[in-house]
Amino acid sequence: MQHPQRMALHNEIHARPPEAIEAPVSLSHVVMVCDAEQRAASWAHMAELARDHHLPPPDAASTHARLDLGPYRVRWELHTEFVTWTFMRKGNVDHFGEQEPEPALLVVPQRWFAQLPGQCLANLHLWVLPSNAFAAGSLVKHVLYEDTLVASSVAGGFAEVYTDFAVHGDGFSRMVLLAGDMAPRRLGRLVQRMLEIETYRMAALLGLPAAREASAVLASAERELAELAQSIRSATPEDEPMLLDRLTRLAGEVESQHAATHSRFSASAAYFELLDKRIDEIDESRLGGMQTIGEFMNRRLTPARSTCAWSVRRQDALSQRVSRISNLLRTRVEIEQQQSSQALLATMNSRQDIQIKLQSTVEGLSVAAISYYIVGLVSYLAKGAQYWGWPLSAEITAAIAIPVVVGGVWWSLRRMHQRVFKH
C-alpha cells in the first residue's frame, strides 16, 4: 500500500527548479505579499493569463507554474507569505552601450500586470548579457548609479554581477549579470539565486518595522515593571491587590505583544538565514577593488538583523522578569494569607476551648436536670406502687434513687462523649 503523500514528498526535491537560460536575456522579477484570499486570486490571475493565450491553466494544487507565451515567458511561484512573478524574454545587446536595454516587463500586458493580487514588496530588472557586450562606462551611465555600485565575480569567476541596490524611477531595482561561457543550466541556477537574494533580502526586512514598534512597547513595559518592583518593596498588605492587578495587566500586555510579533521575527530570522546561504552559493570574489554583495549585505543588514534579534531577546527577558516578580508577589500574598489563616485558626481553637469548658459546665447542669426529672418520675412511680403494696413512701424511694439516678446519668453521658471523641 502506497503512502498517500509519497509522490508529493518525492517531488518536493524538484519544487521550483531553475530554468536553462542563455544570454542575452532580460528578466523582470516581482514579489507580491499576499494573504490567503490573495494567494487564491494570484493563481486565478495566472490562469486568466493562460486562457487569454489559449493555454491550459496551471494545476490548482501546484506551487509553481511556467508559461511560454511566445514573445516572453512567465514563471509563477507560491511561497508561504508572498507570490513571485518572473517575466523573461530574449534580449538584444546591439545598442547596450548606447542606451538602456529594454526590460522584460515591457512586453507584458500592462492592464493585466497592474491587477496582480497583493502588495508589492520587491521589483527587480535583471539583464543577463554575454561578457563581450559589457563596457563599464556604459553600464554605469545607462543602467546603474555609480555612487552606490556593487560588483563581484561570481560562480567561481565564470560570471560577473553588477547592482546598485537602489530603486529607480520606474520603481524597480536593477542588476546586470555578465554570463561569460556558463552552461545554460548553471546560468539558470545562478540567475535564480540572484533573484532569491533580492527576494529574501526584502522579506527579511519585514521584521524591522515590527521590531521598532515593539521597542517602544517594551521600553514602556520595562519602565512600568521597574516601578512595580520598587513599589512592591515598600508595599503594605492593603496595596498588594492593586499591585497584583497592575502586574497581571502588564503581563497580559507583554504576552500579547510577544504573540503578535513572534511569528514575524521567526520568519525574518529564517529569511536572513536563507539570504546568507544564497550569498554563499553564488561563490563571489572581489572584482576590481569594489565592494561585494556579501560585504554590502553584511554591513547594511547587520543593524536590522541585530535589531530584530535584540527585540526577541528583550521580549523573552521581559516576560521572564514579569513572571519572576509575579511569583514573588504571589508568594508574599500567600504567606500573608497563611499567617492570617493561622491567626484565625488559633482564635478558633481558643473559642473552641471556651466552648468545651462551657459545654462541660452545661453538662454538669444537664446531669442535675436530667436526674431531677428522673427522680420525679421515680417518686410518681413509688406513689402509684403503694396501692400494690410498696412498703416505702414516695419521698424515701426518691431519696434512695437519687444517687443511683445521678450516677447512671453521669455514666451515660461519659460513655456518649467517649464514643463521639473516638470517631
Protein backbone atom coordinates (compact mmCIF):
# COMPACT_ATOMS: atom_id res chain seq x y z
CA MET A 1 0.00 0.00 0.00
CA GLN A 2 1.42 3.39 -1.01
CA HIS A 3 1.65 6.27 1.44
CA PRO A 4 -0.84 8.96 0.35
CA GLN A 5 1.86 11.64 0.45
CA ARG A 6 4.61 9.65 -1.25
CA MET A 7 4.57 11.39 -4.63
CA ALA A 8 4.14 14.85 -3.13
CA LEU A 9 7.10 14.28 -0.81
CA HIS A 10 9.20 12.76 -3.59
CA ASN A 11 8.54 15.69 -5.93
CA GLU A 12 9.44 18.21 -3.23
CA ILE A 13 13.11 17.99 -4.25
CA HIS A 14 12.02 19.13 -7.72
CA ALA A 15 9.98 22.06 -6.46
CA ARG A 16 10.75 25.36 -8.19
CA PRO A 17 13.55 24.00 -10.42
CA PRO A 18 15.69 26.61 -12.22
CA GLU A 19 15.30 27.15 -15.93
CA ALA A 20 18.02 26.87 -18.51
CA ILE A 21 18.97 30.38 -19.61
CA GLU A 22 21.11 31.57 -22.47
CA ALA A 23 22.44 35.12 -22.70
CA PRO A 24 21.31 37.64 -23.68
CA VAL A 25 18.02 37.65 -21.76
CA SER A 26 16.15 40.20 -19.68
CA LEU A 27 14.09 39.34 -16.63
CA SER A 28 11.59 41.31 -14.55
CA HIS A 29 11.03 39.87 -11.07
CA VAL A 30 8.07 40.96 -8.91
CA VAL A 31 7.36 39.91 -5.32
CA MET A 32 3.78 40.36 -4.05
CA VAL A 33 2.91 39.87 -0.37
CA CYS A 34 -0.43 38.02 -0.24
CA ASP A 35 -2.88 36.80 2.35
CA ALA A 36 -4.85 33.57 1.92
CA GLU A 37 -7.52 35.16 -0.27
CA GLN A 38 -4.96 36.96 -2.43
CA ARG A 39 -2.95 33.75 -2.86
CA ALA A 40 -6.01 32.08 -4.38
CA ALA A 41 -6.63 35.17 -6.53
CA SER A 42 -2.99 35.01 -7.67
CA TRP A 43 -3.49 31.53 -9.09
CA ALA A 44 -6.68 32.69 -10.79
CA HIS A 45 -4.76 35.61 -12.28
CA MET A 46 -2.18 33.21 -13.69
CA ALA A 47 -4.96 31.03 -15.09
CA GLU A 48 -6.53 34.09 -16.71
CA LEU A 49 -3.25 34.88 -18.49
CA ALA A 50 -3.08 31.28 -19.76
CA ARG A 51 -6.66 31.39 -21.06
CA ASP A 52 -6.01 34.70 -22.84
CA HIS A 53 -3.24 32.94 -24.79
CA HIS A 54 -5.34 29.78 -25.38
CA LEU A 55 -3.25 27.68 -22.99
CA PRO A 56 -4.48 25.31 -20.25
CA PRO A 57 -4.42 26.81 -16.75
CA PRO A 58 -1.83 25.53 -14.24
CA ASP A 59 -2.68 22.82 -11.76
CA ALA A 60 -4.63 24.34 -8.84
CA ALA A 61 -2.61 22.30 -6.33
CA SER A 62 0.79 23.35 -7.68
CA THR A 63 3.04 25.91 -6.02
CA HIS A 64 4.81 26.96 -9.21
CA ALA A 65 3.96 27.18 -12.89
CA ARG A 66 5.59 28.25 -16.17
CA LEU A 67 4.02 29.58 -19.31
CA ASP A 68 5.69 30.13 -22.67
CA LEU A 69 3.68 32.90 -24.30
CA GLY A 70 5.87 33.39 -27.38
CA PRO A 71 7.38 36.88 -27.00
CA TYR A 72 8.03 36.21 -23.32
CA ARG A 73 7.83 33.54 -20.64
CA VAL A 74 6.33 33.87 -17.18
CA ARG A 75 7.16 31.92 -14.03
CA TRP A 76 4.76 31.95 -11.05
CA GLU A 77 5.81 30.71 -7.59
CA LEU A 78 3.68 30.44 -4.46
CA HIS A 79 5.56 30.90 -1.18
CA THR A 80 4.42 30.99 2.43
CA GLU A 81 3.90 34.75 2.67
CA PHE A 82 4.30 36.01 -0.87
CA VAL A 83 3.95 35.19 -4.55
CA THR A 84 6.73 35.81 -7.06
CA TRP A 85 6.29 36.58 -10.74
CA THR A 86 9.26 36.37 -13.11
CA PHE A 87 8.93 37.53 -16.72
CA MET A 88 11.69 36.62 -19.23
CA ARG A 89 12.36 37.47 -22.83
CA LYS A 90 15.31 37.23 -25.16
CA GLY A 91 17.35 40.41 -25.13
CA ASN A 92 19.20 42.47 -27.69
CA VAL A 93 22.62 43.83 -26.78
CA ASP A 94 23.38 45.61 -30.00
CA HIS A 95 22.68 49.04 -28.53
CA PHE A 96 23.52 48.31 -24.91
CA GLY A 97 26.47 50.69 -24.88
CA GLU A 98 24.37 53.50 -26.32
CA GLN A 99 21.11 53.26 -24.38
CA GLU A 100 19.41 51.39 -21.56
CA PRO A 101 18.26 47.89 -22.59
CA GLU A 102 14.54 47.22 -22.56
CA PRO A 103 13.18 45.28 -19.56
CA ALA A 104 11.18 42.08 -19.99
CA LEU A 105 8.13 43.72 -18.42
CA LEU A 106 7.73 45.96 -21.46
CA VAL A 107 6.04 43.16 -23.46
CA VAL A 108 3.73 42.03 -20.64
CA PRO A 109 0.08 43.22 -20.88
CA GLN A 110 0.16 46.29 -18.66
CA ARG A 111 -3.50 46.17 -17.69
CA TRP A 112 -3.18 42.56 -16.57
CA PHE A 113 0.09 43.33 -14.77
CA ALA A 114 -1.43 46.27 -12.88
CA GLN A 115 -4.04 43.91 -11.37
CA LEU A 116 -1.58 41.49 -9.74
CA PRO A 117 -3.12 40.49 -6.36
CA GLY A 118 -1.31 41.52 -3.19
CA GLN A 119 1.08 44.26 -2.15
CA CYS A 120 4.36 44.76 -3.97
CA LEU A 121 7.40 44.06 -1.79
CA ALA A 122 10.19 43.96 -4.38
CA ASN A 123 10.72 44.70 -8.06
CA LEU A 124 13.88 43.85 -9.97
CA HIS A 125 15.04 44.14 -13.56
CA LEU A 126 17.86 41.71 -14.32
CA TRP A 127 19.77 41.70 -17.60
CA VAL A 128 21.88 38.64 -18.41
CA LEU A 129 24.47 39.61 -21.03
CA PRO A 130 27.45 37.96 -22.64
CA SER A 131 30.78 39.25 -21.41
CA ASN A 132 31.79 40.75 -24.76
CA ALA A 133 28.77 43.08 -24.62
CA PHE A 134 29.93 44.82 -21.48
CA ALA A 135 31.52 48.23 -21.19
CA ALA A 136 31.93 49.52 -17.66
CA GLY A 137 31.25 53.15 -18.53
CA SER A 138 28.03 52.43 -20.41
CA LEU A 139 26.81 50.10 -17.65
CA VAL A 140 27.11 52.79 -15.01
CA LYS A 141 25.80 55.51 -17.29
CA HIS A 142 22.70 53.82 -18.67
CA VAL A 143 21.66 51.22 -16.05
CA LEU A 144 23.13 51.71 -12.56
CA TYR A 145 24.08 54.50 -10.17
CA GLU A 146 27.83 54.85 -9.99
CA ASP A 147 27.96 56.15 -6.40
CA THR A 148 26.27 53.03 -4.98
CA LEU A 149 27.66 50.47 -7.40
CA VAL A 150 28.33 46.97 -6.01
CA ALA A 151 30.11 44.36 -8.14
CA SER A 152 31.75 40.99 -7.76
CA SER A 153 32.94 37.97 -9.65
CA VAL A 154 30.57 35.02 -9.07
CA ALA A 155 30.26 31.33 -9.91
CA GLY A 156 33.95 30.75 -9.33
CA GLY A 157 34.95 33.54 -11.70
CA PHE A 158 32.77 32.44 -14.64
CA ALA A 159 30.43 35.45 -14.34
CA GLU A 160 30.26 38.99 -13.02
CA VAL A 161 27.34 40.74 -11.34
CA TYR A 162 26.70 44.48 -11.00
CA THR A 163 23.96 46.19 -8.99
CA ASP A 164 23.38 49.36 -7.01
CA PHE A 165 20.61 48.22 -4.60
CA ALA A 166 18.63 51.33 -5.49
CA VAL A 167 15.02 51.83 -6.56
CA HIS A 168 14.99 53.68 -9.87
CA GLY A 169 12.35 55.94 -11.33
CA ASP A 170 10.21 53.06 -12.60
CA GLY A 171 10.01 51.54 -9.12
CA PHE A 172 12.39 48.69 -9.94
CA SER A 173 15.88 47.94 -8.68
CA ARG A 174 18.40 46.78 -11.28
CA MET A 175 21.04 44.15 -11.73
CA VAL A 176 23.34 43.19 -14.62
CA LEU A 177 24.87 39.73 -14.90
CA LEU A 178 27.69 39.07 -17.36
CA ALA A 179 27.36 35.36 -18.07
CA GLY A 180 30.65 34.53 -19.74
CA ASP A 181 30.76 30.98 -21.08
CA MET A 182 28.48 29.38 -18.49
CA ALA A 183 26.30 26.43 -19.43
CA PRO A 184 22.55 27.25 -19.66
CA ARG A 185 21.59 25.09 -16.67
CA ARG A 186 24.31 26.53 -14.48
CA LEU A 187 23.43 30.05 -15.59
CA GLY A 188 19.78 29.36 -14.77
CA ARG A 189 20.72 28.33 -11.24
CA LEU A 190 22.86 31.43 -10.81
CA VAL A 191 20.05 33.70 -12.04
CA GLN A 192 17.58 32.06 -9.65
CA ARG A 193 19.95 32.65 -6.73
CA MET A 194 20.38 36.30 -7.67
CA LEU A 195 16.59 36.75 -7.76
CA GLU A 196 16.25 34.98 -4.43
CA ILE A 197 18.87 37.24 -2.85
CA GLU A 198 16.71 40.28 -3.66
CA THR A 199 13.53 38.48 -2.58
CA TYR A 200 14.83 37.20 0.75
CA ARG A 201 16.56 40.49 1.48
CA MET A 202 13.26 42.34 1.36
CA ALA A 203 11.31 39.57 3.11
CA ALA A 204 13.83 39.50 5.97
CA LEU A 205 13.46 43.25 6.48
CA LEU A 206 9.72 42.88 7.13
CA GLY A 207 10.65 42.22 10.74
CA LEU A 208 12.36 45.60 11.14
CA PRO A 209 9.19 47.79 11.41
CA ALA A 210 7.75 45.28 13.88
CA ALA A 211 10.97 45.44 15.91
CA ARG A 212 10.87 49.23 16.00
CA GLU A 213 7.24 49.23 17.12
CA ALA A 214 8.00 46.57 19.71
CA SER A 215 10.89 48.62 21.10
CA ALA A 216 8.55 51.43 22.15
CA VAL A 217 6.14 48.97 23.81
CA LEU A 218 8.98 47.11 25.52
CA ALA A 219 10.57 50.33 26.82
CA SER A 220 7.27 51.41 28.38
CA ALA A 221 6.70 47.95 29.86
CA GLU A 222 10.23 47.85 31.30
CA ARG A 223 9.72 51.23 33.00
CA GLU A 224 6.40 50.15 34.47
CA LEU A 225 7.92 46.88 35.66
CA ALA A 226 10.75 48.76 37.39
CA GLU A 227 8.19 51.00 39.12
CA LEU A 228 6.19 47.96 40.22
CA ALA A 229 9.29 46.26 41.58
CA GLN A 230 10.12 49.38 43.60
CA SER A 231 6.54 49.66 44.87
CA ILE A 232 6.47 46.01 45.95
CA ARG A 233 9.45 46.60 48.25
CA SER A 234 7.57 49.16 50.34
CA ALA A 235 4.02 47.92 49.79
CA THR A 236 1.63 47.23 52.66
CA PRO A 237 -0.79 44.30 52.64
CA GLU A 238 -3.52 46.75 51.61
CA ASP A 239 -1.52 47.75 48.49
CA GLU A 240 -0.83 44.21 47.31
CA PRO A 241 -4.14 43.53 45.50
CA MET A 242 -3.70 46.71 43.46
CA LEU A 243 -0.07 45.85 42.65
CA LEU A 244 -1.01 42.33 41.67
CA ASP A 245 -3.71 43.67 39.37
CA ARG A 246 -1.24 46.07 37.69
CA LEU A 247 1.30 43.28 37.32
CA THR A 248 -1.28 40.96 35.80
CA ARG A 249 -2.31 43.57 33.25
CA LEU A 250 1.34 44.23 32.41
CA ALA A 251 1.96 40.50 31.92
CA GLY A 252 -1.04 40.33 29.59
CA GLU A 253 0.26 43.28 27.57
CA VAL A 254 3.75 41.78 27.26
CA GLU A 255 2.46 38.34 26.24
CA SER A 256 0.02 39.85 23.76
CA GLN A 257 2.79 41.87 22.12
CA HIS A 258 5.07 38.80 22.09
CA ALA A 259 2.38 36.68 20.44
CA ALA A 260 1.72 39.38 17.82
CA THR A 261 5.39 39.65 16.74
CA HIS A 262 6.86 36.21 17.41
CA SER A 263 5.92 34.74 14.03
CA ARG A 264 7.21 37.83 12.20
CA PHE A 265 10.58 37.72 13.97
CA SER A 266 10.87 33.97 13.41
CA ALA A 267 10.14 34.41 9.71
CA SER A 268 12.69 37.23 9.43
CA ALA A 269 15.34 35.07 11.09
CA ALA A 270 14.60 32.29 8.59
CA TYR A 271 14.80 34.71 5.65
CA PHE A 272 18.11 36.12 6.91
CA GLU A 273 19.47 32.57 7.07
CA LEU A 274 18.28 31.84 3.52
CA LEU A 275 19.87 35.09 2.35
CA ASP A 276 23.21 34.06 3.87
CA LYS A 277 23.01 30.69 2.14
CA ARG A 278 22.21 32.21 -1.25
CA ILE A 279 25.13 34.63 -0.97
CA ASP A 280 27.45 31.76 -0.08
CA GLU A 281 26.15 29.72 -3.02
CA ILE A 282 27.00 32.34 -5.66
CA ASP A 283 30.68 31.92 -4.67
CA GLU A 284 31.64 35.55 -5.18
CA SER A 285 35.05 37.18 -5.03
CA ARG A 286 36.21 40.78 -5.16
CA LEU A 287 36.19 42.46 -8.56
CA GLY A 288 38.42 45.44 -9.24
CA GLY A 289 38.57 46.52 -5.61
CA MET A 290 34.78 47.04 -5.48
CA GLN A 291 32.50 46.06 -2.65
CA THR A 292 30.99 42.58 -2.98
CA ILE A 293 27.33 41.73 -2.45
CA GLY A 294 28.18 39.75 0.69
CA GLU A 295 30.13 42.66 2.17
CA PHE A 296 27.35 45.10 1.30
CA MET A 297 24.68 42.87 2.85
CA ASN A 298 26.75 42.20 5.95
CA ARG A 299 27.42 45.89 6.53
CA ARG A 300 23.94 47.20 5.70
CA LEU A 301 21.75 44.39 7.04
CA THR A 302 23.60 43.63 10.28
CA PRO A 303 21.93 46.53 12.19
CA ALA A 304 18.46 45.42 11.03
CA ARG A 305 19.18 41.80 11.88
CA SER A 306 20.57 42.79 15.29
CA THR A 307 17.50 44.96 15.97
CA CYS A 308 15.15 42.04 15.29
CA ALA A 309 17.25 39.63 17.36
CA TRP A 310 17.54 42.14 20.21
CA SER A 311 13.76 42.64 20.23
CA VAL A 312 13.26 38.89 20.57
CA ARG A 313 15.73 38.74 23.46
CA ARG A 314 14.12 41.75 25.15
CA GLN A 315 10.69 40.16 24.86
CA ASP A 316 11.88 36.89 26.36
CA ALA A 317 13.80 38.63 29.15
CA LEU A 318 10.89 40.94 29.99
CA SER A 319 8.45 38.04 30.02
CA GLN A 320 10.71 36.14 32.42
CA ARG A 321 11.14 39.19 34.69
CA VAL A 322 7.38 39.76 34.82
CA SER A 323 6.90 36.09 35.66
CA ARG A 324 9.51 36.20 38.45
CA ILE A 325 8.10 39.36 40.04
CA SER A 326 4.57 37.96 39.75
CA ASN A 327 5.67 34.79 41.52
CA LEU A 328 7.38 36.82 44.25
CA LEU A 329 4.32 38.97 44.81
CA ARG A 330 2.01 35.97 44.81
CA THR A 331 4.30 34.20 47.27
CA ARG A 332 4.23 37.22 49.53
CA VAL A 333 0.44 37.39 49.37
CA GLU A 334 0.17 33.64 50.03
CA ILE A 335 2.47 33.88 53.06
CA GLU A 336 0.40 36.70 54.49
CA GLN A 337 -2.77 34.71 53.82
CA GLN A 338 -1.25 31.70 55.57
CA GLN A 339 -0.31 33.85 58.57
CA SER A 340 -3.81 35.29 58.67
CA SER A 341 -5.25 31.79 58.40
CA GLN A 342 -3.04 30.59 61.25
CA ALA A 343 -4.17 33.50 63.43
CA LEU A 344 -7.76 32.72 62.56
CA LEU A 345 -7.25 29.05 63.40
CA ALA A 346 -5.65 29.99 66.73
CA THR A 347 -8.64 32.19 67.54
CA MET A 348 -11.00 29.41 66.53
CA ASN A 349 -9.09 26.94 68.74
CA SER A 350 -9.31 29.34 71.67
CA ARG A 351 -13.02 29.78 71.15
CA GLN A 352 -13.44 26.05 70.86
CA ASP A 353 -11.68 25.54 74.20
CA ILE A 354 -14.01 28.05 75.79
CA GLN A 355 -16.99 26.34 74.21
CA ILE A 356 -15.80 22.97 75.53
CA LYS A 357 -15.46 24.40 79.02
CA LEU A 358 -18.88 25.97 78.81
CA GLN A 359 -20.22 22.73 77.47
CA SER A 360 -18.70 20.86 80.43
CA THR A 361 -20.39 23.30 82.80
CA VAL A 362 -23.68 22.90 80.97
CA GLU A 363 -23.26 19.12 81.05
CA GLY A 364 -22.99 19.30 84.83
CA LEU A 365 -26.22 21.19 84.99
CA SER A 366 -27.68 18.75 82.47
CA VAL A 367 -26.86 15.84 84.80
CA ALA A 368 -28.67 17.61 87.62
CA ALA A 369 -31.65 18.49 85.49
CA ILE A 370 -31.97 15.03 83.95
CA SER A 371 -31.57 13.44 87.35
CA TYR A 372 -34.21 15.77 88.78
CA TYR A 373 -36.77 14.71 86.18
CA ILE A 374 -35.91 11.01 86.53
CA VAL A 375 -36.16 11.18 90.34
CA GLY A 376 -39.53 12.93 89.94
CA LEU A 377 -40.69 10.05 87.77
CA VAL A 378 -39.44 7.58 90.37
CA SER A 379 -41.42 9.48 93.05
CA TYR A 380 -44.59 9.29 90.99
CA LEU A 381 -43.91 5.61 90.33
CA ALA A 382 -43.50 4.96 94.10
CA LYS A 383 -46.78 6.72 94.90
CA GLY A 384 -48.61 4.53 92.45
CA ALA A 385 -46.84 1.40 93.65
CA GLN A 386 -48.08 1.94 97.26
CA TYR A 387 -51.51 0.73 96.16
CA TRP A 388 -49.95 -2.61 95.24
CA GLY A 389 -48.05 -2.93 98.49
CA TRP A 390 -44.84 -0.94 98.02
CA PRO A 391 -43.57 -0.59 101.61
CA LEU A 392 -41.70 2.73 101.27
CA SER A 393 -43.12 6.18 100.89
CA ALA A 394 -42.58 8.18 97.73
CA GLU A 395 -40.16 10.60 99.47
CA ILE A 396 -37.95 7.81 100.83
CA THR A 397 -37.96 6.00 97.49
CA ALA A 398 -36.95 9.20 95.73
CA ALA A 399 -34.17 9.84 98.25
CA ILE A 400 -32.81 6.33 97.76
CA ALA A 401 -32.99 6.67 93.93
CA ILE A 402 -31.12 10.00 93.75
CA PRO A 403 -27.52 8.58 93.98
CA VAL A 404 -28.37 5.78 91.59
CA VAL A 405 -30.02 8.09 89.05
CA VAL A 406 -27.28 10.72 89.24
CA GLY A 407 -24.57 8.07 88.84
CA GLY A 408 -26.38 6.45 85.93
CA VAL A 409 -26.95 9.73 84.13
CA TRP A 410 -23.33 10.79 84.62
CA TRP A 411 -22.01 7.43 83.40
CA SER A 412 -24.29 7.50 80.33
CA LEU A 413 -23.09 10.99 79.33
CA ARG A 414 -19.47 9.97 79.73
CA ARG A 415 -20.00 6.93 77.53
CA MET A 416 -21.62 9.08 74.86
CA HIS A 417 -18.72 11.57 74.96
CA GLN A 418 -16.17 8.81 74.62
CA ARG A 419 -17.89 7.42 71.55
CA VAL A 420 -18.14 10.87 69.91
CA PHE A 421 -14.48 11.79 70.50
CA LYS A 422 -13.35 8.34 69.44
CA HIS A 423 -14.88 8.87 65.97
